[in-house]
PDB file of N, CA and C in Angstrom:
ATOM      1  N   TYR A   1     -13.506  -2.921 -61.322  1.00  0.00           N
ATOM      2  CA  TYR A   1     -14.278  -2.603 -60.327  1.00  0.00           C
ATOM      3  C   TYR A   1     -13.619  -3.386 -59.047  1.00  0.00           C
ATOM      4  N   ILE A   2     -13.576  -4.748 -59.156  1.00  0.00           N
ATOM      5  CA  ILE A   2     -13.013  -5.082 -58.012  1.00  0.00           C
ATOM      6  C   ILE A   2     -11.480  -4.785 -57.663  1.00  0.00           C
ATOM      7  N   ASN A   3     -10.724  -4.418 -58.613  1.00  0.00           N
ATOM      8  CA  ASN A   3      -9.317  -4.084 -58.351  1.00  0.00           C
ATOM      9  C   ASN A   3      -9.301  -2.762 -57.843  1.00  0.00           C
ATOM     10  N   VAL A   4     -10.283  -1.977 -57.939  1.00  0.00           N
ATOM     11  CA  VAL A   4     -10.446  -0.633 -57.212  1.00  0.00           C
ATOM     12  C   VAL A   4     -10.695  -0.918 -55.823  1.00  0.00           C
ATOM     13  N   LEU A   5     -11.744  -1.718 -55.490  1.00  0.00           N
ATOM     14  CA  LEU A   5     -12.088  -2.085 -54.051  1.00  0.00           C
ATOM     15  C   LEU A   5     -11.019  -2.616 -53.472  1.00  0.00           C
ATOM     16  N   ILE A   6     -10.184  -3.461 -54.107  1.00  0.00           N
ATOM     17  CA  ILE A   6      -9.087  -4.250 -53.396  1.00  0.00           C
ATOM     18  C   ILE A   6      -7.899  -3.135 -53.180  1.00  0.00           C
ATOM     19  N   SER A   7      -7.768  -2.221 -53.878  1.00  0.00           N
ATOM     20  CA  SER A   7      -6.783  -1.270 -53.848  1.00  0.00           C
ATOM     21  C   SER A   7      -7.041  -0.232 -52.575  1.00  0.00           C
ATOM     22  N   ILE A   8      -8.291  -0.026 -52.323  1.00  0.00           N
ATOM     23  CA  ILE A   8      -8.786   0.938 -51.073  1.00  0.00           C
ATOM     24  C   ILE A   8      -9.046   0.079 -50.118  1.00  0.00           C
ATOM     25  N   HIS A   9      -8.700  -1.262 -50.013  1.00  0.00           N
ATOM     26  CA  HIS A   9      -8.964  -2.088 -48.907  1.00  0.00           C
ATOM     27  C   HIS A   9     -10.473  -2.424 -48.531  1.00  0.00           C
ATOM     28  N   ALA A  10     -11.242  -2.328 -49.596  1.00  0.00           N
ATOM     29  CA  ALA A  10     -12.718  -2.413 -49.275  1.00  0.00           C
ATOM     30  C   ALA A  10     -13.203  -3.762 -49.770  1.00  0.00           C
ATOM     31  N   GLU A  11     -12.267  -5.031 -49.545  1.00  0.00           N
ATOM     32  CA  GLU A  11     -12.562  -6.258 -50.094  1.00  0.00           C
ATOM     33  C   GLU A  11     -13.982  -6.974 -49.450  1.00  0.00           C
ATOM     34  N   LYS A  12     -14.287  -6.369 -48.180  1.00  0.00           N
ATOM     35  CA  LYS A  12     -15.396  -6.930 -47.404  1.00  0.00           C
ATOM     36  C   LYS A  12     -16.830  -6.415 -48.236  1.00  0.00           C
ATOM     37  N   SER A  13     -16.798  -5.418 -49.022  1.00  0.00           N
ATOM     38  CA  SER A  13     -17.973  -5.167 -49.799  1.00  0.00           C
ATOM     39  C   SER A  13     -18.231  -6.093 -50.661  1.00  0.00           C
ATOM     40  N   ILE A  14     -17.054  -6.585 -51.357  1.00  0.00           N
ATOM     41  CA  ILE A  14     -17.183  -7.811 -52.180  1.00  0.00           C
ATOM     42  C   ILE A  14     -17.921  -9.079 -51.686  1.00  0.00           C
ATOM     43  N   GLU A  15     -17.335  -9.347 -50.361  1.00  0.00           N
ATOM     44  CA  GLU A  15     -17.867 -10.623 -49.662  1.00  0.00           C
ATOM     45  C   GLU A  15     -19.201 -10.325 -49.214  1.00  0.00           C
ATOM     46  N   ALA A  16     -19.635  -9.203 -48.959  1.00  0.00           N
ATOM     47  CA  ALA A  16     -21.098  -9.002 -48.608  1.00  0.00           C
ATOM     48  C   ALA A  16     -21.963  -8.761 -49.838  1.00  0.00           C
ATOM     49  N   GLY A  17     -21.492  -8.725 -50.862  1.00  0.00           N
ATOM     50  CA  GLY A  17     -22.431  -8.779 -52.075  1.00  0.00           C
ATOM     51  C   GLY A  17     -22.818  -7.427 -52.374  1.00  0.00           C
ATOM     52  N   GLN A  18     -22.107  -6.387 -51.733  1.00  0.00           N
ATOM     53  CA  GLN A  18     -22.589  -5.041 -52.179  1.00  0.00           C
ATOM     54  C   GLN A  18     -22.038  -4.538 -53.418  1.00  0.00           C
ATOM     55  N   ARG A  19     -22.916  -3.677 -54.052  1.00  0.00           N
ATOM     56  CA  ARG A  19     -22.552  -3.045 -55.374  1.00  0.00           C
ATOM     57  C   ARG A  19     -22.934  -1.872 -55.443  1.00  0.00           C
ATOM     58  N   TYR A  20     -22.144  -0.859 -55.857  1.00  0.00           N
ATOM     59  CA  TYR A  20     -22.040   0.551 -55.928  1.00  0.00           C
ATOM     60  C   TYR A  20     -23.359   0.868 -57.110  1.00  0.00           C
ATOM     61  N   GLU A  21     -23.962   1.671 -56.532  1.00  0.00           N
ATOM     62  CA  GLU A  21     -25.278   1.953 -57.549  1.00  0.00           C
ATOM     63  C   GLU A  21     -25.604   3.519 -57.442  1.00  0.00           C
ATOM     64  N   GLU A  22     -25.184   4.320 -58.545  1.00  0.00           N
ATOM     65  CA  GLU A  22     -25.414   5.679 -58.249  1.00  0.00           C
ATOM     66  C   GLU A  22     -26.905   6.161 -58.261  1.00  0.00           C
ATOM     67  N   CYS A  23     -27.075   7.115 -57.610  1.00  0.00           N
ATOM     68  CA  CYS A  23     -28.223   7.753 -57.240  1.00  0.00           C
ATOM     69  C   CYS A  23     -29.364   6.757 -56.729  1.00  0.00           C
ATOM     70  N   ALA A  24     -29.045   5.650 -55.805  1.00  0.00           N
ATOM     71  CA  ALA A  24     -29.709   4.839 -55.141  1.00  0.00           C
ATOM     72  C   ALA A  24     -30.618   5.216 -54.285  1.00  0.00           C
ATOM     73  N   ASP A  25     -31.801   5.089 -54.248  1.00  0.00           N
ATOM     74  CA  ASP A  25     -32.906   5.402 -53.255  1.00  0.00           C
ATOM     75  C   ASP A  25     -32.528   5.211 -51.745  1.00  0.00           C
ATOM     76  N   PRO A  26     -32.061   3.969 -51.357  1.00  0.00           N
ATOM     77  CA  PRO A  26     -31.968   3.725 -49.930  1.00  0.00           C
ATOM     78  C   PRO A  26     -30.771   4.882 -49.244  1.00  0.00           C
ATOM     79  N   PRO A  27     -29.783   5.085 -49.879  1.00  0.00           N
ATOM     80  CA  PRO A  27     -28.984   6.012 -49.354  1.00  0.00           C
ATOM     81  C   PRO A  27     -29.465   7.626 -49.213  1.00  0.00           C
ATOM     82  N   TYR A  28     -30.018   7.762 -50.233  1.00  0.00           N
ATOM     83  CA  TYR A  28     -30.680   9.265 -50.410  1.00  0.00           C
ATOM     84  C   TYR A  28     -32.005   9.385 -49.287  1.00  0.00           C
ATOM     85  N   ASP A  29     -32.613   8.256 -49.198  1.00  0.00           N
ATOM     86  CA  ASP A  29     -33.777   8.213 -48.304  1.00  0.00           C
ATOM     87  C   ASP A  29     -33.183   8.405 -46.776  1.00  0.00           C
ATOM     88  N   ALA A  30     -32.075   7.560 -46.568  1.00  0.00           N
ATOM     89  CA  ALA A  30     -31.556   7.767 -45.054  1.00  0.00           C
ATOM     90  C   ALA A  30     -30.981   9.006 -44.693  1.00  0.00           C
ATOM     91  N   LEU A  31     -30.617   9.914 -45.717  1.00  0.00           N
ATOM     92  CA  LEU A  31     -29.792  11.125 -45.433  1.00  0.00           C
ATOM     93  C   LEU A  31     -30.771  12.318 -45.902  1.00  0.00           C
ATOM     94  N   GLU A  32     -32.145  11.833 -46.299  1.00  0.00           N
ATOM     95  CA  GLU A  32     -32.972  13.024 -46.674  1.00  0.00           C
ATOM     96  C   GLU A  32     -33.274  14.190 -45.840  1.00  0.00           C
ATOM     97  N   ASP A  33     -33.141  13.813 -44.476  1.00  0.00           N
ATOM     98  CA  ASP A  33     -33.428  14.931 -43.462  1.00  0.00           C
ATOM     99  C   ASP A  33     -32.091  15.752 -43.372  1.00  0.00           C
ATOM    100  N   GLN A  34     -30.931  15.609 -44.024  1.00  0.00           N
ATOM    101  CA  GLN A  34     -29.692  16.251 -44.060  1.00  0.00           C
ATOM    102  C   GLN A  34     -29.551  17.107 -45.311  1.00  0.00           C
ATOM    103  N   ASP A  35     -30.505  17.093 -46.310  1.00  0.00           N
ATOM    104  CA  ASP A  35     -30.504  17.565 -47.521  1.00  0.00           C
ATOM    105  C   ASP A  35     -30.189  19.168 -47.335  1.00  0.00           C
ATOM    106  N   GLY A  36     -29.202  19.733 -47.882  1.00  0.00           N
ATOM    107  CA  GLY A  36     -28.884  21.217 -47.942  1.00  0.00           C
ATOM    108  C   GLY A  36     -28.141  21.590 -46.520  1.00  0.00           C
ATOM    109  N   ILE A  37     -27.687  20.595 -45.806  1.00  0.00           N
ATOM    110  CA  ILE A  37     -26.912  20.838 -44.684  1.00  0.00           C
ATOM    111  C   ILE A  37     -25.512  21.014 -45.132  1.00  0.00           C
ATOM    112  N   GLY A  38     -24.596  21.989 -44.994  1.00  0.00           N
ATOM    113  CA  GLY A  38     -23.181  22.133 -45.378  1.00  0.00           C
ATOM    114  C   GLY A  38     -22.410  21.329 -44.751  1.00  0.00           C
ATOM    115  N   VAL A  39     -21.160  20.880 -45.100  1.00  0.00           N
ATOM    116  CA  VAL A  39     -20.058  20.050 -44.415  1.00  0.00           C
ATOM    117  C   VAL A  39     -18.757  20.796 -43.951  1.00  0.00           C
ATOM    118  N   VAL A  40     -18.962  22.330 -44.428  1.00  0.00           N
ATOM    119  CA  VAL A  40     -17.663  23.040 -44.541  1.00  0.00           C
ATOM    120  C   VAL A  40     -17.142  23.272 -42.937  1.00  0.00           C
ATOM    121  N   ASP A  41     -18.155  23.659 -42.245  1.00  0.00           N
ATOM    122  CA  ASP A  41     -17.634  23.658 -40.643  1.00  0.00           C
ATOM    123  C   ASP A  41     -17.244  22.446 -40.126  1.00  0.00           C
ATOM    124  N   GLU A  42     -17.804  21.268 -40.469  1.00  0.00           N
ATOM    125  CA  GLU A  42     -17.354  20.099 -39.798  1.00  0.00           C
ATOM    126  C   GLU A  42     -15.808  19.615 -40.486  1.00  0.00           C
ATOM    127  N   VAL A  43     -15.870  19.829 -41.706  1.00  0.00           N
ATOM    128  CA  VAL A  43     -14.560  19.548 -42.533  1.00  0.00           C
ATOM    129  C   VAL A  43     -13.474  20.533 -41.891  1.00  0.00           C
ATOM    130  N   LEU A  44     -13.697  21.637 -41.500  1.00  0.00           N
ATOM    131  CA  LEU A  44     -12.631  22.541 -41.065  1.00  0.00           C
ATOM    132  C   LEU A  44     -12.502  22.161 -39.764  1.00  0.00           C
ATOM    133  N   ARG A  45     -13.450  21.899 -38.932  1.00  0.00           N
ATOM    134  CA  ARG A  45     -13.262  21.261 -37.552  1.00  0.00           C
ATOM    135  C   ARG A  45     -12.098  20.189 -37.307  1.00  0.00           C
ATOM    136  N   ILE A  46     -12.488  19.252 -38.278  1.00  0.00           N
ATOM    137  CA  ILE A  46     -11.447  18.034 -38.448  1.00  0.00           C
ATOM    138  C   ILE A  46     -10.079  18.428 -38.678  1.00  0.00           C
ATOM    139  N   LEU A  47     -10.056  19.196 -40.056  1.00  0.00           N
ATOM    140  CA  LEU A  47      -8.822  19.587 -40.461  1.00  0.00           C
ATOM    141  C   LEU A  47      -7.852  20.379 -39.650  1.00  0.00           C
ATOM    142  N   ASN A  48      -8.616  21.333 -38.818  1.00  0.00           N
ATOM    143  CA  ASN A  48      -7.816  22.022 -38.052  1.00  0.00           C
ATOM    144  C   ASN A  48      -7.679  21.542 -36.585  1.00  0.00           C
ATOM    145  N   HIS A  49      -8.196  20.462 -36.260  1.00  0.00           N
ATOM    146  CA  HIS A  49      -7.895  19.562 -34.917  1.00  0.00           C
ATOM    147  C   HIS A  49      -6.536  19.528 -34.518  1.00  0.00           C
ATOM    148  N   PRO A  50      -5.953  19.895 -33.244  1.00  0.00           N
ATOM    149  CA  PRO A  50      -4.772  19.665 -33.086  1.00  0.00           C
ATOM    150  C   PRO A  50      -4.014  18.442 -33.083  1.00  0.00           C
ATOM    151  N   LEU A  51      -4.790  17.284 -33.063  1.00  0.00           N
ATOM    152  CA  LEU A  51      -4.332  15.892 -33.232  1.00  0.00           C
ATOM    153  C   LEU A  51      -4.156  15.600 -34.615  1.00  0.00           C
ATOM    154  N   LYS A  52      -4.411  16.339 -35.533  1.00  0.00           N
ATOM    155  CA  LYS A  52      -4.240  16.195 -37.023  1.00  0.00           C
ATOM    156  C   LYS A  52      -4.904  14.945 -37.484  1.00  0.00           C
ATOM    157  N   PRO A  53      -6.145  14.589 -37.245  1.00  0.00           N
ATOM    158  CA  PRO A  53      -6.671  13.365 -37.798  1.00  0.00           C
ATOM    159  C   PRO A  53      -6.680  13.538 -39.278  1.00  0.00           C
ATOM    160  N   ARG A  54      -6.212  12.425 -39.997  1.00  0.00           N
ATOM    161  CA  ARG A  54      -6.281  12.278 -41.509  1.00  0.00           C
ATOM    162  C   ARG A  54      -7.640  12.083 -42.050  1.00  0.00           C
ATOM    163  N   LEU A  55      -7.843  12.871 -43.098  1.00  0.00           N
ATOM    164  CA  LEU A  55      -9.111  12.735 -43.800  1.00  0.00           C
ATOM    165  C   LEU A  55      -9.027  12.534 -45.261  1.00  0.00           C
ATOM    166  N   LEU A  56      -9.567  11.750 -45.807  1.00  0.00           N
ATOM    167  CA  LEU A  56      -9.280  11.301 -47.361  1.00  0.00           C
ATOM    168  C   LEU A  56     -10.475  11.703 -48.035  1.00  0.00           C
ATOM    169  N   PHE A  57     -10.447  12.476 -48.930  1.00  0.00           N
ATOM    170  CA  PHE A  57     -11.650  12.779 -50.004  1.00  0.00           C
ATOM    171  C   PHE A  57     -11.179  11.873 -51.310  1.00  0.00           C
ATOM    172  N   PHE A  58     -12.379  11.268 -51.571  1.00  0.00           N
ATOM    173  CA  PHE A  58     -12.262  10.360 -52.881  1.00  0.00           C
ATOM    174  C   PHE A  58     -13.378  10.361 -53.905  1.00  0.00           C
ATOM    175  N   ASN A  59     -12.920  10.648 -54.996  1.00  0.00           N
ATOM    176  CA  ASN A  59     -13.899  10.629 -56.211  1.00  0.00           C
ATOM    177  C   ASN A  59     -13.424   9.672 -57.112  1.00  0.00           C
ATOM    178  N   GLY A  60     -14.288   8.919 -57.771  1.00  0.00           N
ATOM    179  CA  GLY A  60     -13.825   7.915 -58.826  1.00  0.00           C
ATOM    180  C   GLY A  60     -13.692   8.706 -60.020  1.00  0.00           C
ATOM    181  N   ILE A  61     -12.523   8.362 -60.763  1.00  0.00           N
ATOM    182  CA  ILE A  61     -12.102   9.238 -61.967  1.00  0.00           C
ATOM    183  C   ILE A  61     -13.311   9.109 -63.003  1.00  0.00           C
ATOM    184  N   ASP A  62     -13.891   7.911 -63.124  1.00  0.00           N
ATOM    185  CA  ASP A  62     -15.013   8.076 -64.050  1.00  0.00           C
ATOM    186  C   ASP A  62     -16.425   8.217 -63.555  1.00  0.00           C
ATOM    187  N   ASP A  63     -16.349   8.705 -62.557  1.00  0.00           N
ATOM    188  CA  ASP A  63     -17.689   8.917 -61.670  1.00  0.00           C
ATOM    189  C   ASP A  63     -18.451  10.263 -62.234  1.00  0.00           C
ATOM    190  N   LEU A  64     -19.214  10.278 -63.061  1.00  0.00           N
ATOM    191  CA  LEU A  64     -19.813  11.315 -63.675  1.00  0.00           C
ATOM    192  C   LEU A  64     -20.756  11.844 -62.660  1.00  0.00           C
ATOM    193  N   ILE A  65     -21.286  11.338 -61.731  1.00  0.00           N
ATOM    194  CA  ILE A  65     -22.459  11.918 -60.626  1.00  0.00           C
ATOM    195  C   ILE A  65     -21.651  12.838 -59.929  1.00  0.00           C
ATOM    196  N   CYS A  66     -20.388  12.635 -59.404  1.00  0.00           N
ATOM    197  CA  CYS A  66     -19.713  13.416 -58.556  1.00  0.00           C
ATOM    198  C   CYS A  66     -18.819  14.553 -59.378  1.00  0.00           C
ATOM    199  N   ASN A  67     -19.023  15.564 -58.747  1.00  0.00           N
ATOM    200  CA  ASN A  67     -18.218  16.807 -59.241  1.00  0.00           C
ATOM    201  C   ASN A  67     -16.879  16.842 -59.061  1.00  0.00           C
ATOM    202  N   HIS A  68     -15.955  16.086 -59.548  1.00  0.00           N
ATOM    203  CA  HIS A  68     -14.631  16.072 -58.890  1.00  0.00           C
ATOM    204  C   HIS A  68     -13.775  17.318 -59.031  1.00  0.00           C
ATOM    205  N   ALA A  69     -14.061  18.251 -60.138  1.00  0.00           N
ATOM    206  CA  ALA A  69     -13.601  19.498 -60.337  1.00  0.00           C
ATOM    207  C   ALA A  69     -13.982  20.264 -59.347  1.00  0.00           C
ATOM    208  N   GLY A  70     -15.253  20.321 -59.048  1.00  0.00           N
ATOM    209  CA  GLY A  70     -15.878  21.209 -57.969  1.00  0.00           C
ATOM    210  C   GLY A  70     -15.378  20.811 -56.658  1.00  0.00           C
ATOM    211  N   ASN A  71     -14.970  19.431 -56.368  1.00  0.00           N
ATOM    212  CA  ASN A  71     -14.629  18.979 -54.909  1.00  0.00           C
ATOM    213  C   ASN A  71     -13.237  19.427 -54.843  1.00  0.00           C
ATOM    214  N   GLU A  72     -12.346  19.389 -55.936  1.00  0.00           N
ATOM    215  CA  GLU A  72     -11.084  19.878 -55.960  1.00  0.00           C
ATOM    216  C   GLU A  72     -11.031  21.372 -55.584  1.00  0.00           C
ATOM    217  N   ARG A  73     -11.738  22.146 -56.160  1.00  0.00           N
ATOM    218  CA  ARG A  73     -11.894  23.725 -55.953  1.00  0.00           C
ATOM    219  C   ARG A  73     -12.459  23.865 -54.366  1.00  0.00           C
ATOM    220  N   PHE A  74     -13.132  23.165 -54.146  1.00  0.00           N
ATOM    221  CA  PHE A  74     -13.717  22.952 -52.486  1.00  0.00           C
ATOM    222  C   PHE A  74     -12.509  22.965 -51.649  1.00  0.00           C
ATOM    223  N   LEU A  75     -11.674  21.965 -51.936  1.00  0.00           N
ATOM    224  CA  LEU A  75     -10.416  21.656 -51.013  1.00  0.00           C
ATOM    225  C   LEU A  75      -9.422  22.964 -51.272  1.00  0.00           C
ATOM    226  N   ASP A  76      -9.218  23.262 -52.446  1.00  0.00           N
ATOM    227  CA  ASP A  76      -8.275  24.343 -52.557  1.00  0.00           C
ATOM    228  C   ASP A  76      -8.640  25.645 -52.037  1.00  0.00           C
ATOM    229  N   ASN A  77      -9.879  25.888 -51.825  1.00  0.00           N
ATOM    230  CA  ASN A  77     -10.390  27.275 -51.219  1.00  0.00           C
ATOM    231  C   ASN A  77     -10.779  27.064 -49.714  1.00  0.00           C
ATOM    232  N   LEU A  78     -10.488  25.997 -49.140  1.00  0.00           N
ATOM    233  CA  LEU A  78     -10.862  25.894 -47.605  1.00  0.00           C
ATOM    234  C   LEU A  78      -9.987  26.632 -46.867  1.00  0.00           C
ATOM    235  N   PRO A  79     -10.460  27.618 -45.917  1.00  0.00           N
ATOM    236  CA  PRO A  79      -9.533  28.431 -44.982  1.00  0.00           C
ATOM    237  C   PRO A  79      -9.262  27.533 -43.849  1.00  0.00           C
ATOM    238  N   TRP A  80      -8.308  26.736 -43.965  1.00  0.00           N
ATOM    239  CA  TRP A  80      -7.693  26.072 -42.730  1.00  0.00           C
ATOM    240  C   TRP A  80      -6.314  26.215 -42.502  1.00  0.00           C
ATOM    241  N   ILE A  81      -5.852  25.812 -41.441  1.00  0.00           N
ATOM    242  CA  ILE A  81      -4.604  26.188 -41.009  1.00  0.00           C
ATOM    243  C   ILE A  81      -3.237  25.571 -41.891  1.00  0.00           C
ATOM    244  N   TYR A  82      -3.476  24.514 -42.660  1.00  0.00           N
ATOM    245  CA  TYR A  82      -2.843  23.937 -43.574  1.00  0.00           C
ATOM    246  C   TYR A  82      -3.032  24.264 -45.116  1.00  0.00           C
ATOM    247  N   ALA A  83      -3.728  25.340 -45.479  1.00  0.00           N
ATOM    248  CA  ALA A  83      -4.217  25.472 -46.740  1.00  0.00           C
ATOM    249  C   ALA A  83      -3.153  25.685 -47.641  1.00  0.00           C
ATOM    250  N   GLN A  84      -2.010  26.555 -47.088  1.00  0.00           N
ATOM    251  CA  GLN A  84      -0.815  26.721 -47.942  1.00  0.00           C
ATOM    252  C   GLN A  84      -0.035  25.372 -48.344  1.00  0.00           C
ATOM    253  N   ASN A  85      -0.013  24.749 -47.392  1.00  0.00           N
ATOM    254  CA  ASN A  85       0.653  23.188 -47.501  1.00  0.00           C
ATOM    255  C   ASN A  85       0.011  22.459 -48.603  1.00  0.00           C
ATOM    256  N   TRP A  86      -1.554  22.457 -48.533  1.00  0.00           N
ATOM    257  CA  TRP A  86      -2.232  21.786 -49.382  1.00  0.00           C
ATOM    258  C   TRP A  86      -2.151  22.490 -50.885  1.00  0.00           C
ATOM    259  N   LEU A  87      -2.022  23.541 -51.058  1.00  0.00           N
ATOM    260  CA  LEU A  87      -1.941  24.356 -52.301  1.00  0.00           C
ATOM    261  C   LEU A  87      -0.633  24.015 -52.863  1.00  0.00           C
ATOM    262  N   LEU A  88       0.403  23.885 -52.245  1.00  0.00           N
ATOM    263  CA  LEU A  88       1.753  23.695 -52.615  1.00  0.00           C
ATOM    264  C   LEU A  88       2.183  22.132 -52.974  1.00  0.00           C
ATOM    265  N   SER A  89       1.366  21.336 -52.343  1.00  0.00           N
ATOM    266  CA  SER A  89       1.515  19.790 -52.315  1.00  0.00           C
ATOM    267  C   SER A  89       1.429  19.292 -53.739  1.00  0.00           C
ATOM    268  N   GLU A  90       2.313  18.356 -54.291  1.00  0.00           N
ATOM    269  CA  GLU A  90       2.274  17.915 -55.489  1.00  0.00           C
ATOM    270  C   GLU A  90       1.050  16.771 -55.664  1.00  0.00           C
ATOM    271  N   ARG A  91       0.700  16.792 -56.902  1.00  0.00           N
ATOM    272  CA  ARG A  91      -0.266  15.684 -57.220  1.00  0.00           C
ATOM    273  C   ARG A  91       0.450  14.435 -58.151  1.00  0.00           C
ATOM    274  N   TYR A  92       0.257  13.305 -57.762  1.00  0.00           N
ATOM    275  CA  TYR A  92       0.804  12.176 -58.011  1.00  0.00           C
ATOM    276  C   TYR A  92      -0.133  11.361 -58.836  1.00  0.00           C
ATOM    277  N   SER A  93       0.545  10.782 -59.832  1.00  0.00           N
ATOM    278  CA  SER A  93      -0.539   9.778 -60.814  1.00  0.00           C
ATOM    279  C   SER A  93       0.132   8.455 -60.762  1.00  0.00           C
ATOM    280  N   TRP A  94      -0.804   7.411 -61.043  1.00  0.00           N
ATOM    281  CA  TRP A  94      -0.206   6.144 -61.259  1.00  0.00           C
ATOM    282  C   TRP A  94      -1.176   5.362 -62.103  1.00  0.00           C
ATOM    283  N   LEU A  95      -0.502   4.162 -62.619  1.00  0.00           N
ATOM    284  CA  LEU A  95      -1.485   3.323 -63.647  1.00  0.00           C
ATOM    285  C   LEU A  95      -1.601   2.034 -62.666  1.00  0.00           C
ATOM    286  N   VAL A  96      -2.926   1.434 -63.036  1.00  0.00           N
ATOM    287  CA  VAL A  96      -3.048   0.072 -62.518  1.00  0.00           C
ATOM    288  C   VAL A  96      -2.983  -0.835 -63.703  1.00  0.00           C
ATOM    289  N   GLY A  97      -1.921  -1.645 -63.599  1.00  0.00           N
ATOM    290  CA  GLY A  97      -1.682  -2.574 -64.871  1.00  0.00           C
ATOM    291  C   GLY A  97      -1.146  -1.786 -65.809  1.00  0.00           C
ATOM    292  N   ASP A  98      -1.256  -2.103 -67.074  1.00  0.00           N
ATOM    293  CA  ASP A  98      -0.793  -1.638 -68.401  1.00  0.00           C
ATOM    294  C   ASP A  98      -2.004  -0.662 -68.919  1.00  0.00           C
ATOM    295  N   ASP A  99      -2.936  -0.562 -68.443  1.00  0.00           N
ATOM    296  CA  ASP A  99      -4.173   0.107 -69.323  1.00  0.00           C
ATOM    297  C   ASP A  99      -4.511   1.473 -68.764  1.00  0.00           C
ATOM    298  N   PRO A 100      -4.002   2.601 -69.648  1.00  0.00           N
ATOM    299  CA  PRO A 100      -4.118   4.031 -69.202  1.00  0.00           C
ATOM    300  C   PRO A 100      -5.508   4.335 -68.898  1.00  0.00           C
ATOM    301  N   GLU A 101      -6.525   3.504 -69.181  1.00  0.00           N
ATOM    302  CA  GLU A 101      -7.819   3.851 -68.728  1.00  0.00           C
ATOM    303  C   GLU A 101      -7.957   3.621 -67.127  1.00  0.00           C
ATOM    304  N   ASP A 102      -7.060   2.798 -66.547  1.00  0.00           N
ATOM    305  CA  ASP A 102      -7.074   2.554 -65.199  1.00  0.00           C
ATOM    306  C   ASP A 102      -6.164   3.286 -64.395  1.00  0.00           C
ATOM    307  N   SER A 103      -5.969   4.574 -64.754  1.00  0.00           N
ATOM    308  CA  SER A 103      -5.186   5.590 -64.034  1.00  0.00           C
ATOM    309  C   SER A 103      -5.678   6.424 -63.058  1.00  0.00           C
ATOM    310  N   SER A 104      -5.042   6.989 -62.229  1.00  0.00           N
ATOM    311  CA  SER A 104      -5.745   7.725 -61.093  1.00  0.00           C
ATOM    312  C   SER A 104      -4.515   8.711 -60.704  1.00  0.00           C
ATOM    313  N   SER A 105      -5.001   9.690 -59.798  1.00  0.00           N
ATOM    314  CA  SER A 105      -4.152  10.527 -59.248  1.00  0.00           C
ATOM    315  C   SER A 105      -4.623  10.813 -57.781  1.00  0.00           C
ATOM    316  N   SER A 106      -3.581  11.311 -57.100  1.00  0.00           N
ATOM    317  CA  SER A 106      -3.807  11.650 -55.578  1.00  0.00           C
ATOM    318  C   SER A 106      -2.877  12.853 -55.255  1.00  0.00           C
ATOM    319  N   LYS A 107      -3.273  13.324 -54.007  1.00  0.00           N
ATOM    320  CA  LYS A 107      -2.623  14.518 -53.636  1.00  0.00           C
ATOM    321  C   LYS A 107      -2.838  14.456 -52.090  1.00  0.00           C
ATOM    322  N   GLN A 108      -1.619  14.802 -51.445  1.00  0.00           N
ATOM    323  CA  GLN A 108      -1.535  14.748 -49.898  1.00  0.00           C
ATOM    324  C   GLN A 108      -1.107  15.910 -49.414  1.00  0.00           C
ATOM    325  N   GLY A 109      -1.822  16.674 -48.638  1.00  0.00           N
ATOM    326  CA  GLY A 109      -1.299  18.014 -47.941  1.00  0.00           C
ATOM    327  C   GLY A 109      -1.737  17.804 -46.418  1.00  0.00           C
ATOM    328  N   SER A 110      -0.942  17.782 -45.659  1.00  0.00           N
ATOM    329  CA  SER A 110      -1.079  17.509 -44.021  1.00  0.00           C
ATOM    330  C   SER A 110      -2.393  18.289 -43.612  1.00  0.00           C
ATOM    331  N   PRO A 111      -3.134  17.526 -43.157  1.00  0.00           N
ATOM    332  CA  PRO A 111      -3.381  16.068 -42.956  1.00  0.00           C
ATOM    333  C   PRO A 111      -4.646  15.691 -43.979  1.00  0.00           C
ATOM    334  N   ALA A 112      -4.842  16.378 -45.011  1.00  0.00           N
ATOM    335  CA  ALA A 112      -5.824  15.915 -45.974  1.00  0.00           C
ATOM    336  C   ALA A 112      -5.217  15.094 -47.227  1.00  0.00           C
ATOM    337  N   GLY A 113      -6.046  14.410 -47.592  1.00  0.00           N
ATOM    338  CA  GLY A 113      -5.613  13.453 -48.800  1.00  0.00           C
ATOM    339  C   GLY A 113      -6.931  13.565 -49.836  1.00  0.00           C
ATOM    340  N   TYR A 114      -6.392  13.406 -51.060  1.00  0.00           N
ATOM    341  CA  TYR A 114      -7.543  13.538 -52.110  1.00  0.00           C
ATOM    342  C   TYR A 114      -7.136  12.390 -53.309  1.00  0.00           C
ATOM    343  N   VAL A 115      -7.963  11.499 -53.360  1.00  0.00           N
ATOM    344  CA  VAL A 115      -7.815  10.559 -54.516  1.00  0.00           C
ATOM    345  C   VAL A 115      -8.883  10.720 -55.708  1.00  0.00           C
ATOM    346  N   LYS A 116      -8.534  10.595 -56.871  1.00  0.00           N
ATOM    347  CA  LYS A 116      -9.489  10.290 -58.002  1.00  0.00           C
ATOM    348  C   LYS A 116      -9.179   9.550 -58.820  1.00  0.00           C
TER     349      LYS A 116
END
């Protein structure tokens, strides 16, 4: 867990004593008024912006709460100006240490990235 946080430069969460907890009430309560509001328009606005800001989508590989397959399909089907670049971009895999359980993959298609 700590190695993952370090690899994504989130060490401050360790220092602050924050710990990930799935389906926690405080985040849900804070976003309750936004339940059911889609993100497609906002994601497209960012991805199609002329300054090409980079946008990273992240799913934990062992995160059973997040539908990483659905999120990948979401990205594959977005109607954005770099959609073809995204679809043709390669996926890369890597290991953290020697344990195959600590493997992950990434994909980069200007200006979006996806890590799981």
